[in-house]
Amino acid sequence: QVQLVESGGGLVQAGGSLRLSCAASGRTFSSNVMGWFRQAPGKEREFVAAISWGGGSRNYASSVLGRFTISRDNAKNTVDLQMNSLKLEDTAVYYCAIRYSGNAYDSRGRGYDYWGQGTQVTVSS
C-alpha cells in the first residue's frame, strides 16, 4: 500500500501563486510516475501534470502549460506543483496520484494506482 498526502492548497487571488506538495509513504519504490489531477464542482476529474521517476519526462495539460511546474524529490518521496498566474478556472480539488506502469505522457487517470485525498485550491477575483 502507498499513502499520498497533499498539502498547500488554499485561497488565492487571480494572478497569484500557490505551491502544492504531495508526500508518499508506505511501499514506495522506484520507477514510478507521479501526477496531479484536479476536479472542479460539477466537472469530471482532469489531468494536470505528471513527471517520470528521473524527472526527464514531464507532461502538462494545455490549460496549465507555461503556468504550472511539476517537480519531485525522490529522496523525500515528494512531488510538488508550483502554480503561477492562477486563474478562476483553476479552482478545484487537486489530487496527487502515483503509477507503477506506463509513462508520464499517459494522462488517463485510470492508469494510476494510488490517490491522495485531495487539497482544495480556490482562486478568487
C-alpha atoms as a PDB file:
ATOM      1  CA  GLN A   1       0.000   0.000   0.000  1.00  0.00           C
ATOM      2  CA  VAL A   2       1.018   3.569  -0.690  1.00  0.00           C
ATOM      3  CA  GLN A   3      -0.311   6.606   1.086  1.00  0.00           C
ATOM      4  CA  LEU A   4      -0.332  10.015  -0.570  1.00  0.00           C
ATOM      5  CA  VAL A   5      -0.963  13.202   1.377  1.00  0.00           C
ATOM      6  CA  GLU A   6      -1.384  16.539  -0.345  1.00  0.00           C
ATOM      7  CA  SER A   7      -0.801  19.929   1.241  1.00  0.00           C
ATOM      8  CA  GLY A   8      -0.508  23.556   0.244  1.00  0.00           C
ATOM      9  CA  GLY A   9      -3.978  24.288  -1.002  1.00  0.00           C
ATOM     10  CA  GLY A  10      -5.849  27.422  -0.060  1.00  0.00           C
ATOM     11  CA  LEU A  11      -7.446  30.635  -1.211  1.00  0.00           C
ATOM     12  CA  VAL A  12      -5.545  32.912  -3.565  1.00  0.00           C
ATOM     13  CA  GLN A  13      -6.421  35.849  -5.753  1.00  0.00           C
ATOM     14  CA  ALA A  14      -6.355  35.554  -9.513  1.00  0.00           C
ATOM     15  CA  GLY A  15      -2.847  36.107 -10.781  1.00  0.00           C
ATOM     16  CA  GLY A  16      -1.329  34.762  -7.602  1.00  0.00           C
ATOM     17  CA  SER A  17       0.673  31.632  -6.887  1.00  0.00           C
ATOM     18  CA  LEU A  18       0.408  28.503  -4.783  1.00  0.00           C
ATOM     19  CA  ARG A  19       2.678  25.537  -4.312  1.00  0.00           C
ATOM     20  CA  LEU A  20       1.148  22.141  -3.707  1.00  0.00           C
ATOM     21  CA  SER A  21       3.122  19.292  -2.231  1.00  0.00           C
ATOM     22  CA  CYS A  22       2.412  15.578  -2.054  1.00  0.00           C
ATOM     23  CA  ALA A  23       4.224  13.188   0.270  1.00  0.00           C
ATOM     24  CA  ALA A  24       4.240   9.476  -0.463  1.00  0.00           C
ATOM     25  CA  SER A  25       4.753   6.817   2.181  1.00  0.00           C
ATOM     26  CA  GLY A  26       4.375   3.096   2.509  1.00  0.00           C
ATOM     27  CA  ARG A  27       5.576   0.739  -0.176  1.00  0.00           C
ATOM     28  CA  THR A  28       7.016   3.386  -2.424  1.00  0.00           C
ATOM     29  CA  PHE A  29       9.615   2.132  -4.830  1.00  0.00           C
ATOM     30  CA  SER A  30      11.408   3.377  -7.872  1.00  0.00           C
ATOM     31  CA  SER A  31      10.315   3.634 -11.481  1.00  0.00           C
ATOM     32  CA  ASN A  32       7.048   5.307 -10.707  1.00  0.00           C
ATOM     33  CA  VAL A  33       5.310   8.230 -12.322  1.00  0.00           C
ATOM     34  CA  MET A  34       3.678  10.837 -10.134  1.00  0.00           C
ATOM     35  CA  GLY A  35       0.930  13.077 -11.305  1.00  0.00           C
ATOM     36  CA  TRP A  36      -1.537  15.764 -10.365  1.00  0.00           C
ATOM     37  CA  PHE A  37      -5.197  15.800 -11.306  1.00  0.00           C
ATOM     38  CA  ARG A  38      -7.993  18.166 -10.410  1.00  0.00           C
ATOM     39  CA  GLN A  39     -11.745  18.146 -10.202  1.00  0.00           C
ATOM     40  CA  ALA A  40     -13.904  21.242 -10.211  1.00  0.00           C
ATOM     41  CA  PRO A  41     -17.501  21.226  -8.940  1.00  0.00           C
ATOM     42  CA  GLY A  42     -19.803  19.626 -11.463  1.00  0.00           C
ATOM     43  CA  LYS A  43     -16.948  18.604 -13.729  1.00  0.00           C
ATOM     44  CA  GLU A  44     -15.042  15.429 -14.364  1.00  0.00           C
ATOM     45  CA  ARG A  45     -11.591  14.864 -12.998  1.00  0.00           C
ATOM     46  CA  GLU A  46      -8.927  16.099 -15.374  1.00  0.00           C
ATOM     47  CA  PHE A  47      -5.225  15.601 -15.802  1.00  0.00           C
ATOM     48  CA  VAL A  48      -2.950  18.474 -14.784  1.00  0.00           C
ATOM     49  CA  ALA A  49       0.661  17.299 -14.886  1.00  0.00           C
ATOM     50  CA  ALA A  50       2.876  14.264 -14.474  1.00  0.00           C
ATOM     51  CA  ILE A  51       6.570  13.577 -14.004  1.00  0.00           C
ATOM     52  CA  SER A  52       8.679  10.481 -14.534  1.00  0.00           C
ATOM     53  CA  TRP A  53      10.920   8.931 -11.891  1.00  0.00           C
ATOM     54  CA  GLY A  54      14.045  10.690 -13.103  1.00  0.00           C
ATOM     55  CA  GLY A  55      12.263  13.924 -13.907  1.00  0.00           C
ATOM     56  CA  GLY A  56      13.283  13.785 -17.549  1.00  0.00           C
ATOM     57  CA  SER A  57       9.729  13.419 -18.772  1.00  0.00           C
ATOM     58  CA  ARG A  58       7.150  15.979 -17.773  1.00  0.00           C
ATOM     59  CA  ASN A  59       3.706  16.275 -19.217  1.00  0.00           C
ATOM     60  CA  TYR A  60       1.262  19.140 -18.773  1.00  0.00           C
ATOM     61  CA  ALA A  61      -2.322  19.775 -19.706  1.00  0.00           C
ATOM     62  CA  SER A  62      -2.561  22.502 -22.296  1.00  0.00           C
ATOM     63  CA  SER A  63      -4.610  24.623 -19.890  1.00  0.00           C
ATOM     64  CA  VAL A  64      -1.714  24.882 -17.416  1.00  0.00           C
ATOM     65  CA  LEU A  65       1.296  24.751 -19.726  1.00  0.00           C
ATOM     66  CA  GLY A  66       3.600  27.670 -19.040  1.00  0.00           C
ATOM     67  CA  ARG A  67       1.949  28.460 -15.709  1.00  0.00           C
ATOM     68  CA  PHE A  68       2.412  25.279 -13.674  1.00  0.00           C
ATOM     69  CA  THR A  69       5.615  23.384 -12.980  1.00  0.00           C
ATOM     70  CA  ILE A  70       5.842  19.864 -11.597  1.00  0.00           C
ATOM     71  CA  SER A  71       8.920  18.648  -9.757  1.00  0.00           C
ATOM     72  CA  ARG A  72       9.885  15.797  -7.476  1.00  0.00           C
ATOM     73  CA  ASP A  73      12.377  14.859  -4.799  1.00  0.00           C
ATOM     74  CA  ASN A  74      12.883  11.100  -4.760  1.00  0.00           C
ATOM     75  CA  ALA A  75      14.946  11.187  -1.573  1.00  0.00           C
ATOM     76  CA  LYS A  76      11.942  12.644   0.211  1.00  0.00           C
ATOM     77  CA  ASN A  77       9.268  10.821  -1.826  1.00  0.00           C
ATOM     78  CA  THR A  78       7.575  14.092  -2.642  1.00  0.00           C
ATOM     79  CA  VAL A  79       6.156  15.737  -5.726  1.00  0.00           C
ATOM     80  CA  ASP A  80       5.345  19.431  -5.943  1.00  0.00           C
ATOM     81  CA  LEU A  81       3.193  21.519  -8.215  1.00  0.00           C
ATOM     82  CA  GLN A  82       4.134  25.170  -8.481  1.00  0.00           C
ATOM     83  CA  MET A  83       1.141  27.089  -9.771  1.00  0.00           C
ATOM     84  CA  ASN A  84       1.637  30.625 -11.051  1.00  0.00           C
ATOM     85  CA  SER A  85      -0.662  33.114 -12.741  1.00  0.00           C
ATOM     86  CA  LEU A  86      -3.651  31.359 -11.283  1.00  0.00           C
ATOM     87  CA  LYS A  87      -6.999  31.825 -12.948  1.00  0.00           C
ATOM     88  CA  LEU A  88     -10.540  31.484 -11.677  1.00  0.00           C
ATOM     89  CA  GLU A  89     -10.896  28.307 -13.706  1.00  0.00           C
ATOM     90  CA  ASP A  90      -8.053  26.696 -11.767  1.00  0.00           C
ATOM     91  CA  THR A  91     -10.381  26.402  -8.785  1.00  0.00           C
ATOM     92  CA  ALA A  92     -10.709  22.716  -7.968  1.00  0.00           C
ATOM     93  CA  VAL A  93      -9.738  19.954  -5.614  1.00  0.00           C
ATOM     94  CA  TYR A  94      -6.238  18.839  -6.589  1.00  0.00           C
ATOM     95  CA  TYR A  95      -5.247  15.215  -6.251  1.00  0.00           C
ATOM     96  CA  CYS A  96      -1.842  13.602  -6.238  1.00  0.00           C
ATOM     97  CA  ALA A  97      -1.504  10.163  -7.779  1.00  0.00           C
ATOM     98  CA  ILE A  98       1.177   7.549  -8.431  1.00  0.00           C
ATOM     99  CA  ARG A  99       1.519   4.819 -11.036  1.00  0.00           C
ATOM    100  CA  TYR A 100       3.955   1.950 -11.456  1.00  0.00           C
ATOM    101  CA  SER A 101       3.364   1.209 -15.111  1.00  0.00           C
ATOM    102  CA  GLY A 102       3.037   3.355 -18.158  1.00  0.00           C
ATOM    103  CA  ASN A 103       4.649   6.747 -18.548  1.00  0.00           C
ATOM    104  CA  ALA A 104       4.141  10.412 -17.791  1.00  0.00           C
ATOM    105  CA  TYR A 105       2.606  11.030 -21.208  1.00  0.00           C
ATOM    106  CA  ASP A 106      -0.373   8.796 -20.497  1.00  0.00           C
ATOM    107  CA  SER A 107      -2.800  11.277 -18.948  1.00  0.00           C
ATOM    108  CA  ARG A 108      -5.572   8.802 -18.251  1.00  0.00           C
ATOM    109  CA  GLY A 109      -6.456   8.744 -14.599  1.00  0.00           C
ATOM    110  CA  ARG A 110      -7.336   5.069 -14.585  1.00  0.00           C
ATOM    111  CA  GLY A 111      -3.675   4.252 -15.167  1.00  0.00           C
ATOM    112  CA  TYR A 112      -2.782   5.480 -11.702  1.00  0.00           C
ATOM    113  CA  ASP A 113      -2.600   3.034  -8.830  1.00  0.00           C
ATOM    114  CA  TYR A 114      -2.964   5.194  -5.718  1.00  0.00           C
ATOM    115  CA  TRP A 115      -4.533   8.550  -4.993  1.00  0.00           C
ATOM    116  CA  GLY A 116      -4.411  11.133  -2.266  1.00  0.00           C
ATOM    117  CA  GLN A 117      -7.416  12.649  -0.545  1.00  0.00           C
ATOM    118  CA  GLY A 118      -7.078  15.961  -2.325  1.00  0.00           C
ATOM    119  CA  THR A 119      -6.475  19.575  -1.368  1.00  0.00           C
ATOM    120  CA  GLN A 120      -8.754  22.474  -2.226  1.00  0.00           C
ATOM    121  CA  VAL A 121      -7.483  25.335  -4.353  1.00  0.00           C
ATOM    122  CA  THR A 122      -9.776  28.331  -4.660  1.00  0.00           C
ATOM    123  CA  VAL A 123      -8.928  31.257  -6.895  1.00  0.00           C
ATOM    124  CA  SER A 124     -10.899  34.424  -6.273  1.00  0.00           C
ATOM    125  CA  SER A 125     -11.328  37.537  -8.375  1.00  0.00           C
END
